[in-house]
Structure formats: C-alpha cells, structure tokens
Amino acid sequence: MDWAGRAGEHLTDMGAPLGNGQEITPAGVSPANATVGGYSLLEADSVEEAVALMDGHPHLMMPGASIQVFPALDIPGM
C-alpha cells in the first residue's frame, strides 16, 4: 500500500489480478496467448510520467516481474 499512497491521486483504480483470458475472433474463441497478471489504472500527463509512477511498485520486487504501461487513446470521431 506504500506505492499506492505515493501514486496518490494518479491511481484512479487499484485494479485487480486477472485470470486466464480468452481470445475472440470471427472464427471462434480460444485461450489468449497474452499473459497479463493484473491491471491498475493511472491518470498521468504522459507515458513517461506513468512510467515514473511505477518506481517502487511492489510487483517489481518479484524475480522476473515486469510492468507494461499502455496509454489510453482517444477514439477517432468521438
């Protein structure tokens, strides 16, 4: 919870662990190839700021762990 406290108002959703995903295509449904362990939502002015907010995140203390940061993009025409 120390990291969440430091992220402060930037942390808009603490998130949750995720289970096995499903990939849905026009051909049907199959197990997802991606291995995503969980998610959190941050509000930041840039990807660089979001990356900086990951400093001290507890998941980075686990051997072999990583965190991926993805920006949410505007939907064209909306």
N, C-alpha and C. Protein backbone atom coordinates (compact mmCIF):
# COMPACT_ATOMS: atom_id res chain seq x y z
N MET A 1 0.82 -1.19 0.00
CA MET A 1 0.00 0.00 0.00
C MET A 1 0.86 1.26 0.00
N ASP A 2 2.16 1.11 0.30
CA ASP A 2 3.05 2.28 0.28
C ASP A 2 3.09 2.88 -1.13
N TRP A 3 3.23 2.01 -2.13
CA TRP A 3 3.28 2.51 -3.51
C TRP A 3 1.99 3.23 -3.87
N ALA A 4 0.85 2.68 -3.52
CA ALA A 4 -0.44 3.30 -3.83
C ALA A 4 -0.53 4.67 -3.17
N GLY A 5 -0.03 4.79 -1.98
CA GLY A 5 -0.03 6.08 -1.30
C GLY A 5 0.83 7.10 -2.02
N ARG A 6 1.99 6.66 -2.52
CA ARG A 6 2.87 7.57 -3.27
C ARG A 6 2.27 7.96 -4.61
N ALA A 7 1.56 7.03 -5.25
CA ALA A 7 0.92 7.34 -6.54
C ALA A 7 -0.21 8.34 -6.34
N GLY A 8 -0.81 8.32 -5.16
CA GLY A 8 -1.82 9.31 -4.79
C GLY A 8 -2.98 9.41 -5.77
N GLU A 9 -3.32 10.64 -6.12
CA GLU A 9 -4.48 10.88 -6.98
C GLU A 9 -4.29 10.37 -8.40
N HIS A 10 -3.06 10.02 -8.78
CA HIS A 10 -2.82 9.46 -10.11
C HIS A 10 -3.41 8.05 -10.23
N LEU A 11 -3.53 7.35 -9.12
CA LEU A 11 -4.07 5.99 -9.11
C LEU A 11 -5.59 6.08 -9.07
N THR A 12 -6.22 5.92 -10.23
CA THR A 12 -7.68 6.08 -10.31
C THR A 12 -8.43 4.77 -10.07
N ASP A 13 -7.75 3.64 -10.24
CA ASP A 13 -8.36 2.32 -9.98
C ASP A 13 -7.23 1.38 -9.59
N MET A 14 -7.23 0.90 -8.36
CA MET A 14 -6.19 0.00 -7.88
C MET A 14 -6.12 -1.25 -8.74
N GLY A 15 -7.23 -1.62 -9.38
CA GLY A 15 -7.24 -2.77 -10.26
C GLY A 15 -7.44 -4.07 -9.52
N ALA A 16 -7.04 -5.16 -10.17
CA ALA A 16 -7.24 -6.50 -9.62
C ALA A 16 -6.38 -7.49 -10.40
N PRO A 17 -6.10 -8.65 -9.80
CA PRO A 17 -5.46 -9.71 -10.57
C PRO A 17 -6.42 -10.21 -11.65
N LEU A 18 -5.86 -10.75 -12.71
CA LEU A 18 -6.68 -11.28 -13.81
C LEU A 18 -6.45 -12.77 -13.97
N GLY A 19 -7.49 -13.47 -14.38
CA GLY A 19 -7.39 -14.91 -14.64
C GLY A 19 -7.03 -15.18 -16.08
N ASN A 20 -7.19 -16.41 -16.49
CA ASN A 20 -6.89 -16.81 -17.86
C ASN A 20 -7.83 -16.11 -18.83
N GLY A 21 -7.26 -15.46 -19.84
CA GLY A 21 -8.06 -14.73 -20.81
C GLY A 21 -8.53 -15.58 -21.97
N GLN A 22 -9.45 -15.05 -22.70
CA GLN A 22 -9.98 -15.71 -23.90
C GLN A 22 -9.80 -14.77 -25.08
N GLU A 23 -9.38 -15.31 -26.21
CA GLU A 23 -9.26 -14.53 -27.44
C GLU A 23 -10.46 -14.83 -28.31
N ILE A 24 -11.13 -13.78 -28.73
CA ILE A 24 -12.35 -13.92 -29.53
C ILE A 24 -12.07 -13.39 -30.92
N THR A 25 -12.30 -14.23 -31.92
CA THR A 25 -12.11 -13.85 -33.32
C THR A 25 -13.37 -14.25 -34.09
N PRO A 26 -13.48 -13.83 -35.35
CA PRO A 26 -14.63 -14.28 -36.14
C PRO A 26 -14.70 -15.81 -36.24
N ALA A 27 -13.56 -16.48 -36.08
CA ALA A 27 -13.53 -17.94 -36.17
C ALA A 27 -13.93 -18.65 -34.88
N GLY A 28 -14.00 -17.90 -33.78
CA GLY A 28 -14.38 -18.55 -32.52
C GLY A 28 -13.59 -18.02 -31.34
N VAL A 29 -13.56 -18.84 -30.30
CA VAL A 29 -12.93 -18.46 -29.04
C VAL A 29 -11.84 -19.46 -28.70
N SER A 30 -10.71 -18.96 -28.21
CA SER A 30 -9.61 -19.83 -27.80
C SER A 30 -8.88 -19.17 -26.63
N PRO A 31 -8.05 -19.93 -25.91
CA PRO A 31 -7.29 -19.31 -24.81
C PRO A 31 -6.39 -18.19 -25.35
N ALA A 32 -6.31 -17.11 -24.61
CA ALA A 32 -5.47 -15.98 -25.01
C ALA A 32 -3.99 -16.33 -24.87
N ASN A 33 -3.18 -15.83 -25.77
CA ASN A 33 -1.73 -16.05 -25.71
C ASN A 33 -1.05 -15.10 -24.74
N ALA A 34 -1.65 -13.94 -24.49
CA ALA A 34 -1.04 -12.94 -23.62
C ALA A 34 -1.08 -13.41 -22.17
N THR A 35 -0.04 -13.07 -21.44
CA THR A 35 -0.01 -13.39 -20.01
C THR A 35 -0.03 -12.08 -19.24
N VAL A 36 -1.23 -11.64 -18.91
CA VAL A 36 -1.43 -10.42 -18.14
C VAL A 36 -1.86 -10.85 -16.75
N GLY A 37 -1.10 -10.42 -15.74
CA GLY A 37 -1.39 -10.85 -14.38
C GLY A 37 -2.38 -9.99 -13.64
N GLY A 38 -2.53 -8.74 -14.10
CA GLY A 38 -3.45 -7.84 -13.43
C GLY A 38 -3.38 -6.46 -14.06
N TYR A 39 -4.11 -5.54 -13.49
CA TYR A 39 -4.13 -4.18 -14.05
C TYR A 39 -4.33 -3.17 -12.94
N SER A 40 -3.91 -1.96 -13.20
CA SER A 40 -4.24 -0.78 -12.41
C SER A 40 -4.42 0.35 -13.40
N LEU A 41 -5.22 1.34 -13.05
CA LEU A 41 -5.42 2.50 -13.91
C LEU A 41 -4.81 3.73 -13.26
N LEU A 42 -3.98 4.41 -14.03
CA LEU A 42 -3.35 5.64 -13.58
C LEU A 42 -3.77 6.78 -14.49
N GLU A 43 -3.84 7.96 -13.94
CA GLU A 43 -4.05 9.15 -14.75
C GLU A 43 -2.76 9.95 -14.68
N ALA A 44 -2.16 10.18 -15.86
CA ALA A 44 -0.90 10.91 -15.93
C ALA A 44 -0.92 11.79 -17.18
N ASP A 45 -0.06 12.79 -17.21
CA ASP A 45 0.01 13.69 -18.35
C ASP A 45 0.76 13.10 -19.53
N SER A 46 1.52 12.03 -19.31
CA SER A 46 2.29 11.40 -20.39
C SER A 46 2.63 9.97 -20.00
N VAL A 47 3.05 9.18 -20.99
CA VAL A 47 3.50 7.82 -20.71
C VAL A 47 4.73 7.88 -19.81
N GLU A 48 5.58 8.86 -20.05
CA GLU A 48 6.79 8.99 -19.23
C GLU A 48 6.45 9.23 -17.75
N GLU A 49 5.43 10.04 -17.51
CA GLU A 49 5.00 10.28 -16.13
C GLU A 49 4.45 8.99 -15.52
N ALA A 50 3.67 8.25 -16.30
CA ALA A 50 3.11 6.98 -15.80
C ALA A 50 4.23 5.99 -15.49
N VAL A 51 5.24 5.94 -16.34
CA VAL A 51 6.39 5.06 -16.10
C VAL A 51 7.09 5.47 -14.81
N ALA A 52 7.29 6.77 -14.61
CA ALA A 52 7.94 7.24 -13.40
C ALA A 52 7.14 6.87 -12.15
N LEU A 53 5.81 6.84 -12.27
CA LEU A 53 4.97 6.47 -11.14
C LEU A 53 5.13 5.00 -10.74
N MET A 54 5.71 4.18 -11.59
CA MET A 54 5.92 2.77 -11.27
C MET A 54 7.10 2.55 -10.33
N ASP A 55 7.88 3.59 -10.08
CA ASP A 55 9.02 3.48 -9.18
C ASP A 55 8.56 2.97 -7.81
N GLY A 56 9.15 1.88 -7.36
CA GLY A 56 8.81 1.31 -6.07
C GLY A 56 7.57 0.43 -6.05
N HIS A 57 7.00 0.13 -7.23
CA HIS A 57 5.81 -0.73 -7.27
C HIS A 57 6.18 -2.11 -6.72
N PRO A 58 5.37 -2.68 -5.84
CA PRO A 58 5.72 -3.95 -5.21
C PRO A 58 5.90 -5.11 -6.18
N HIS A 59 5.24 -5.11 -7.32
CA HIS A 59 5.42 -6.22 -8.26
C HIS A 59 6.84 -6.28 -8.79
N LEU A 60 7.53 -5.15 -8.83
CA LEU A 60 8.89 -5.13 -9.35
C LEU A 60 9.89 -5.76 -8.38
N MET A 61 9.42 -6.10 -7.19
CA MET A 61 10.28 -6.76 -6.21
C MET A 61 10.32 -8.27 -6.42
N MET A 62 9.43 -8.81 -7.26
CA MET A 62 9.38 -10.25 -7.51
C MET A 62 10.37 -10.61 -8.62
N PRO A 63 11.11 -11.70 -8.49
CA PRO A 63 12.06 -12.09 -9.53
C PRO A 63 11.37 -12.28 -10.88
N GLY A 64 11.92 -11.69 -11.91
CA GLY A 64 11.40 -11.85 -13.26
C GLY A 64 10.15 -11.04 -13.57
N ALA A 65 9.70 -10.23 -12.63
CA ALA A 65 8.47 -9.47 -12.82
C ALA A 65 8.69 -8.29 -13.77
N SER A 66 7.61 -7.85 -14.38
CA SER A 66 7.66 -6.66 -15.22
C SER A 66 6.30 -5.97 -15.16
N ILE A 67 6.30 -4.71 -15.53
CA ILE A 67 5.07 -3.93 -15.64
C ILE A 67 5.07 -3.30 -17.02
N GLN A 68 3.96 -3.39 -17.72
CA GLN A 68 3.81 -2.75 -19.02
C GLN A 68 2.86 -1.57 -18.86
N VAL A 69 3.20 -0.45 -19.48
CA VAL A 69 2.38 0.76 -19.40
C VAL A 69 1.82 1.03 -20.79
N PHE A 70 0.51 1.17 -20.88
CA PHE A 70 -0.17 1.46 -22.15
C PHE A 70 -1.01 2.71 -21.99
N PRO A 71 -0.88 3.65 -22.92
CA PRO A 71 -1.76 4.83 -22.85
C PRO A 71 -3.14 4.51 -23.43
N ALA A 72 -4.15 5.13 -22.88
CA ALA A 72 -5.48 5.05 -23.46
C ALA A 72 -5.56 6.14 -24.53
N LEU A 73 -5.99 5.79 -25.72
CA LEU A 73 -6.06 6.72 -26.83
C LEU A 73 -7.49 7.18 -27.05
N ASP A 74 -7.61 8.38 -27.59
CA ASP A 74 -8.93 8.89 -27.95
C ASP A 74 -9.49 8.07 -29.12
N ILE A 75 -10.79 7.87 -29.13
CA ILE A 75 -11.45 7.19 -30.23
C ILE A 75 -11.71 8.23 -31.31
N PRO A 76 -11.20 8.01 -32.52
CA PRO A 76 -11.42 9.00 -33.59
C PRO A 76 -12.91 9.25 -33.82
N GLY A 77 -13.26 10.51 -33.96
CA GLY A 77 -14.63 10.89 -34.25
C GLY A 77 -15.54 10.93 -33.05
N MET A 78 -15.02 10.70 -31.85
CA MET A 78 -15.88 10.73 -30.65
C MET A 78 -15.47 11.85 -29.75
